Amino acid sequence: MRRIWRIVFLPVLVLVLALATRASAAPVSVARAPAAPAADVPQESLVELREQGGFAGVDNQVIVAADGRAAFSRRTGPVVDLPLTAEELAVLRGHLANLRIGPSEARPQGADFIAYTLTHQGHRATRYTLPADWQPVVRFLEEALEKYWAPD
């Protein structure tokens, strides 16, 4: 029994250590095709949210136009283009009234971080930790993405 343990466990341990050493020594860069452009959303957007990164390869985008039409997309699947309700648009505008984009944040060390990029009133910034005034906007747009985006 002890011999089987050595035969099975030691090669697996060596492989895991070799992969861990290799991964930490040379960062791997994966090229990804750009996300599909939002369909039929006018250029004058009210707000845009882009979430990218993490081990899962998140790539979500929500663009809301000034007239309330919105485009929702994920890394896979179609772009869904439809209007927010008048109530949803009013809530979003209320959140946006308190939003200050501010400066971008430096990319943190490590691999499992989500980059949140918000664009509003000609200002764009990317953050990895959400400031208090970003949280209601990001939460609202994430909930709208869950509600309206369909995989087929």
C-alpha atoms as a PDB file:
ATOM      1  CA  MET A   1       0.000   0.000   0.000  1.00  0.00           C
ATOM      2  CA  ARG A   2       2.819   2.384   0.848  1.00  0.00           C
ATOM      3  CA  ARG A   3       4.443   1.777  -2.515  1.00  0.00           C
ATOM      4  CA  ILE A   4       1.220   2.594  -4.409  1.00  0.00           C
ATOM      5  CA  TRP A   5       0.982   5.854  -2.497  1.00  0.00           C
ATOM      6  CA  ARG A   6       4.481   6.803  -3.662  1.00  0.00           C
ATOM      7  CA  ILE A   7       3.771   5.777  -7.243  1.00  0.00           C
ATOM      8  CA  VAL A   8       0.545   7.799  -7.482  1.00  0.00           C
ATOM      9  CA  PHE A   9       0.995  10.739  -5.114  1.00  0.00           C
ATOM     10  CA  LEU A  10       4.596  11.792  -5.791  1.00  0.00           C
ATOM     11  CA  PRO A  11       4.240  12.268  -9.592  1.00  0.00           C
ATOM     12  CA  VAL A  12       1.034  14.238  -9.067  1.00  0.00           C
ATOM     13  CA  LEU A  13       2.722  16.405  -6.442  1.00  0.00           C
ATOM     14  CA  VAL A  14       5.705  17.058  -8.746  1.00  0.00           C
ATOM     15  CA  LEU A  15       3.358  17.993 -11.598  1.00  0.00           C
ATOM     16  CA  VAL A  16       1.346  20.386  -9.433  1.00  0.00           C
ATOM     17  CA  LEU A  17       4.504  22.061  -8.109  1.00  0.00           C
ATOM     18  CA  ALA A  18       5.947  22.371 -11.606  1.00  0.00           C
ATOM     19  CA  LEU A  19       2.762  23.975 -12.923  1.00  0.00           C
ATOM     20  CA  ALA A  20       2.544  26.339  -9.949  1.00  0.00           C
ATOM     21  CA  THR A  21       6.160  27.422 -10.382  1.00  0.00           C
ATOM     22  CA  ARG A  22       5.713  27.902 -14.107  1.00  0.00           C
ATOM     23  CA  ALA A  23       2.498  29.916 -13.649  1.00  0.00           C
ATOM     24  CA  SER A  24       4.051  32.258 -11.109  1.00  0.00           C
ATOM     25  CA  ALA A  25       7.266  32.745 -13.095  1.00  0.00           C
ATOM     26  CA  ALA A  26       5.738  33.820 -16.394  1.00  0.00           C
ATOM     27  CA  PRO A  27       2.379  35.554 -16.576  1.00  0.00           C
ATOM     28  CA  VAL A  28       0.189  34.195 -19.310  1.00  0.00           C
ATOM     29  CA  SER A  29      -1.615  36.588 -21.602  1.00  0.00           C
ATOM     30  CA  VAL A  30      -4.686  35.351 -23.407  1.00  0.00           C
ATOM     31  CA  ALA A  31      -5.801  37.295 -26.450  1.00  0.00           C
ATOM     32  CA  ARG A  32      -9.553  37.582 -26.715  1.00  0.00           C
ATOM     33  CA  ALA A  33     -11.642  38.820 -29.571  1.00  0.00           C
ATOM     34  CA  PRO A  34     -13.346  42.128 -28.823  1.00  0.00           C
ATOM     35  CA  ALA A  35     -16.918  41.906 -27.615  1.00  0.00           C
ATOM     36  CA  ALA A  36     -19.628  42.311 -30.179  1.00  0.00           C
ATOM     37  CA  PRO A  37     -20.819  45.891 -30.505  1.00  0.00           C
ATOM     38  CA  ALA A  38     -24.191  46.656 -29.036  1.00  0.00           C
ATOM     39  CA  ALA A  39     -26.898  46.408 -31.648  1.00  0.00           C
ATOM     40  CA  ASP A  40     -29.029  49.424 -32.525  1.00  0.00           C
ATOM     41  CA  VAL A  41     -28.062  51.538 -29.500  1.00  0.00           C
ATOM     42  CA  PRO A  42     -27.602  55.184 -30.439  1.00  0.00           C
ATOM     43  CA  GLN A  43     -24.230  56.866 -29.880  1.00  0.00           C
ATOM     44  CA  GLU A  44     -25.550  59.145 -27.101  1.00  0.00           C
ATOM     45  CA  SER A  45     -25.372  56.631 -24.258  1.00  0.00           C
ATOM     46  CA  LEU A  46     -26.549  57.530 -20.791  1.00  0.00           C
ATOM     47  CA  VAL A  47     -24.279  55.022 -19.075  1.00  0.00           C
ATOM     48  CA  GLU A  48     -22.141  52.037 -20.005  1.00  0.00           C
ATOM     49  CA  LEU A  49     -20.872  49.268 -17.735  1.00  0.00           C
ATOM     50  CA  ARG A  50     -18.238  46.738 -18.763  1.00  0.00           C
ATOM     51  CA  GLU A  51     -17.203  43.920 -16.420  1.00  0.00           C
ATOM     52  CA  GLN A  52     -14.179  41.882 -17.438  1.00  0.00           C
ATOM     53  CA  GLY A  53     -11.808  39.376 -15.900  1.00  0.00           C
ATOM     54  CA  GLY A  54     -11.682  36.836 -13.129  1.00  0.00           C
ATOM     55  CA  PHE A  55     -10.934  33.149 -13.455  1.00  0.00           C
ATOM     56  CA  ALA A  56     -14.314  32.616 -15.125  1.00  0.00           C
ATOM     57  CA  GLY A  57     -13.465  35.041 -17.935  1.00  0.00           C
ATOM     58  CA  VAL A  58     -16.348  37.409 -17.277  1.00  0.00           C
ATOM     59  CA  ASP A  59     -17.053  39.797 -20.132  1.00  0.00           C
ATOM     60  CA  ASN A  60     -20.395  41.538 -19.585  1.00  0.00           C
ATOM     61  CA  GLN A  61     -21.539  44.812 -21.083  1.00  0.00           C
ATOM     62  CA  VAL A  62     -24.623  46.947 -20.513  1.00  0.00           C
ATOM     63  CA  ILE A  63     -25.200  50.134 -22.506  1.00  0.00           C
ATOM     64  CA  VAL A  64     -28.195  52.307 -21.726  1.00  0.00           C
ATOM     65  CA  ALA A  65     -29.053  55.051 -24.203  1.00  0.00           C
ATOM     66  CA  ALA A  66     -30.483  58.418 -23.188  1.00  0.00           C
ATOM     67  CA  ASP A  67     -33.916  57.324 -24.480  1.00  0.00           C
ATOM     68  CA  GLY A  68     -33.912  54.225 -22.237  1.00  0.00           C
ATOM     69  CA  ARG A  69     -33.055  51.608 -24.828  1.00  0.00           C
ATOM     70  CA  ALA A  70     -30.476  49.174 -23.526  1.00  0.00           C
ATOM     71  CA  ALA A  71     -28.126  46.598 -24.995  1.00  0.00           C
ATOM     72  CA  PHE A  72     -27.067  43.653 -22.849  1.00  0.00           C
ATOM     73  CA  SER A  73     -24.260  41.293 -23.771  1.00  0.00           C
ATOM     74  CA  ARG A  74     -22.137  38.568 -22.243  1.00  0.00           C
ATOM     75  CA  ARG A  75     -19.029  36.768 -23.418  1.00  0.00           C
ATOM     76  CA  THR A  76     -21.192  34.143 -25.083  1.00  0.00           C
ATOM     77  CA  GLY A  77     -24.600  34.447 -26.641  1.00  0.00           C
ATOM     78  CA  PRO A  78     -26.486  37.210 -28.393  1.00  0.00           C
ATOM     79  CA  VAL A  79     -26.710  40.920 -27.754  1.00  0.00           C
ATOM     80  CA  VAL A  80     -30.176  41.690 -26.396  1.00  0.00           C
ATOM     81  CA  ASP A  81     -31.498  45.142 -27.293  1.00  0.00           C
ATOM     82  CA  LEU A  82     -34.678  46.374 -25.594  1.00  0.00           C
ATOM     83  CA  PRO A  83     -35.979  49.327 -23.585  1.00  0.00           C
ATOM     84  CA  LEU A  84     -35.934  49.753 -19.825  1.00  0.00           C
ATOM     85  CA  THR A  85     -39.275  50.584 -18.283  1.00  0.00           C
ATOM     86  CA  ALA A  86     -39.971  54.231 -17.382  1.00  0.00           C
ATOM     87  CA  GLU A  87     -39.684  53.317 -13.694  1.00  0.00           C
ATOM     88  CA  GLU A  88     -36.335  51.547 -14.219  1.00  0.00           C
ATOM     89  CA  LEU A  89     -34.998  54.505 -16.178  1.00  0.00           C
ATOM     90  CA  ALA A  90     -36.058  56.909 -13.400  1.00  0.00           C
ATOM     91  CA  VAL A  91     -34.327  54.771 -10.758  1.00  0.00           C
ATOM     92  CA  LEU A  92     -31.174  54.579 -12.890  1.00  0.00           C
ATOM     93  CA  ARG A  93     -31.147  58.350 -13.433  1.00  0.00           C
ATOM     94  CA  GLY A  94     -31.474  58.816  -9.653  1.00  0.00           C
ATOM     95  CA  HIS A  95     -28.416  56.623  -9.085  1.00  0.00           C
ATOM     96  CA  LEU A  96     -26.502  58.430 -11.822  1.00  0.00           C
ATOM     97  CA  ALA A  97     -27.204  61.812 -10.200  1.00  0.00           C
ATOM     98  CA  ASN A  98     -24.941  60.743  -7.308  1.00  0.00           C
ATOM     99  CA  LEU A  99     -22.248  59.106  -9.464  1.00  0.00           C
ATOM    100  CA  ARG A 100     -18.767  60.574  -9.658  1.00  0.00           C
ATOM    101  CA  ILE A 101     -16.593  58.636 -12.078  1.00  0.00           C
ATOM    102  CA  GLY A 102     -13.231  59.820 -10.712  1.00  0.00           C
ATOM    103  CA  PRO A 103      -9.874  58.328 -11.681  1.00  0.00           C
ATOM    104  CA  SER A 104      -9.152  54.766 -12.755  1.00  0.00           C
ATOM    105  CA  GLU A 105      -7.637  52.393 -10.249  1.00  0.00           C
ATOM    106  CA  ALA A 106      -4.347  50.567 -10.840  1.00  0.00           C
ATOM    107  CA  ARG A 107      -4.690  46.890 -11.704  1.00  0.00           C
ATOM    108  CA  PRO A 108      -4.074  44.836  -8.553  1.00  0.00           C
ATOM    109  CA  GLN A 109      -1.620  41.947  -8.330  1.00  0.00           C
ATOM    110  CA  GLY A 110      -3.193  38.579  -9.006  1.00  0.00           C
ATOM    111  CA  ALA A 111      -5.539  37.064 -11.515  1.00  0.00           C
ATOM    112  CA  ASP A 112      -8.974  36.792  -9.963  1.00  0.00           C
ATOM    113  CA  PHE A 113     -10.155  40.391 -10.175  1.00  0.00           C
ATOM    114  CA  ILE A 114     -13.093  41.856 -12.036  1.00  0.00           C
ATOM    115  CA  ALA A 115     -12.461  45.159 -13.802  1.00  0.00           C
ATOM    116  CA  TYR A 116     -15.521  47.434 -13.697  1.00  0.00           C
ATOM    117  CA  THR A 117     -15.435  50.155 -16.344  1.00  0.00           C
ATOM    118  CA  LEU A 118     -18.119  52.832 -16.143  1.00  0.00           C
ATOM    119  CA  THR A 119     -18.708  55.505 -18.763  1.00  0.00           C
ATOM    120  CA  HIS A 120     -21.034  58.414 -18.031  1.00  0.00           C
ATOM    121  CA  GLN A 121     -21.198  62.001 -19.344  1.00  0.00           C
ATOM    122  CA  GLY A 122     -17.979  61.636 -21.324  1.00  0.00           C
ATOM    123  CA  HIS A 123     -15.994  60.290 -18.357  1.00  0.00           C
ATOM    124  CA  ARG A 124     -14.649  56.749 -18.185  1.00  0.00           C
ATOM    125  CA  ALA A 125     -12.783  54.932 -15.432  1.00  0.00           C
ATOM    126  CA  THR A 126     -11.918  51.372 -14.505  1.00  0.00           C
ATOM    127  CA  ARG A 127     -12.052  50.210 -10.897  1.00  0.00           C
ATOM    128  CA  TYR A 128     -11.406  46.887  -9.178  1.00  0.00           C
ATOM    129  CA  THR A 129     -13.038  47.904  -5.912  1.00  0.00           C
ATOM    130  CA  LEU A 130     -16.330  49.733  -6.179  1.00  0.00           C
ATOM    131  CA  PRO A 131     -16.605  53.157  -4.523  1.00  0.00           C
ATOM    132  CA  ALA A 132     -19.820  53.816  -2.595  1.00  0.00           C
ATOM    133  CA  ASP A 133     -21.299  55.989  -5.368  1.00  0.00           C
ATOM    134  CA  TRP A 134     -20.584  53.322  -8.021  1.00  0.00           C
ATOM    135  CA  GLN A 135     -22.291  50.519  -6.100  1.00  0.00           C
ATOM    136  CA  PRO A 136     -25.972  51.424  -6.774  1.00  0.00           C
ATOM    137  CA  VAL A 137     -25.288  51.997 -10.484  1.00  0.00           C
ATOM    138  CA  VAL A 138     -23.332  48.768 -10.932  1.00  0.00           C
ATOM    139  CA  ARG A 139     -25.858  46.760  -8.897  1.00  0.00           C
ATOM    140  CA  PHE A 140     -28.777  48.190 -10.926  1.00  0.00           C
ATOM    141  CA  LEU A 141     -27.074  47.420 -14.259  1.00  0.00           C
ATOM    142  CA  GLU A 142     -26.083  43.900 -13.142  1.00  0.00           C
ATOM    143  CA  GLU A 143     -29.675  43.201 -12.083  1.00  0.00           C
ATOM    144  CA  ALA A 144     -30.968  44.512 -15.416  1.00  0.00           C
ATOM    145  CA  LEU A 145     -28.496  42.243 -17.229  1.00  0.00           C
ATOM    146  CA  GLU A 146     -29.759  39.241 -15.248  1.00  0.00           C
ATOM    147  CA  LYS A 147     -33.368  40.213 -15.923  1.00  0.00           C
ATOM    148  CA  TYR A 148     -33.182  40.944 -19.652  1.00  0.00           C
ATOM    149  CA  TRP A 149     -30.292  38.973 -21.106  1.00  0.00           C
ATOM    150  CA  ALA A 150     -31.250  35.575 -22.448  1.00  0.00           C
ATOM    151  CA  PRO A 151     -28.795  32.906 -23.664  1.00  0.00           C
ATOM    152  CA  ASP A 152     -30.817  32.160 -26.804  1.00  0.00           C
END
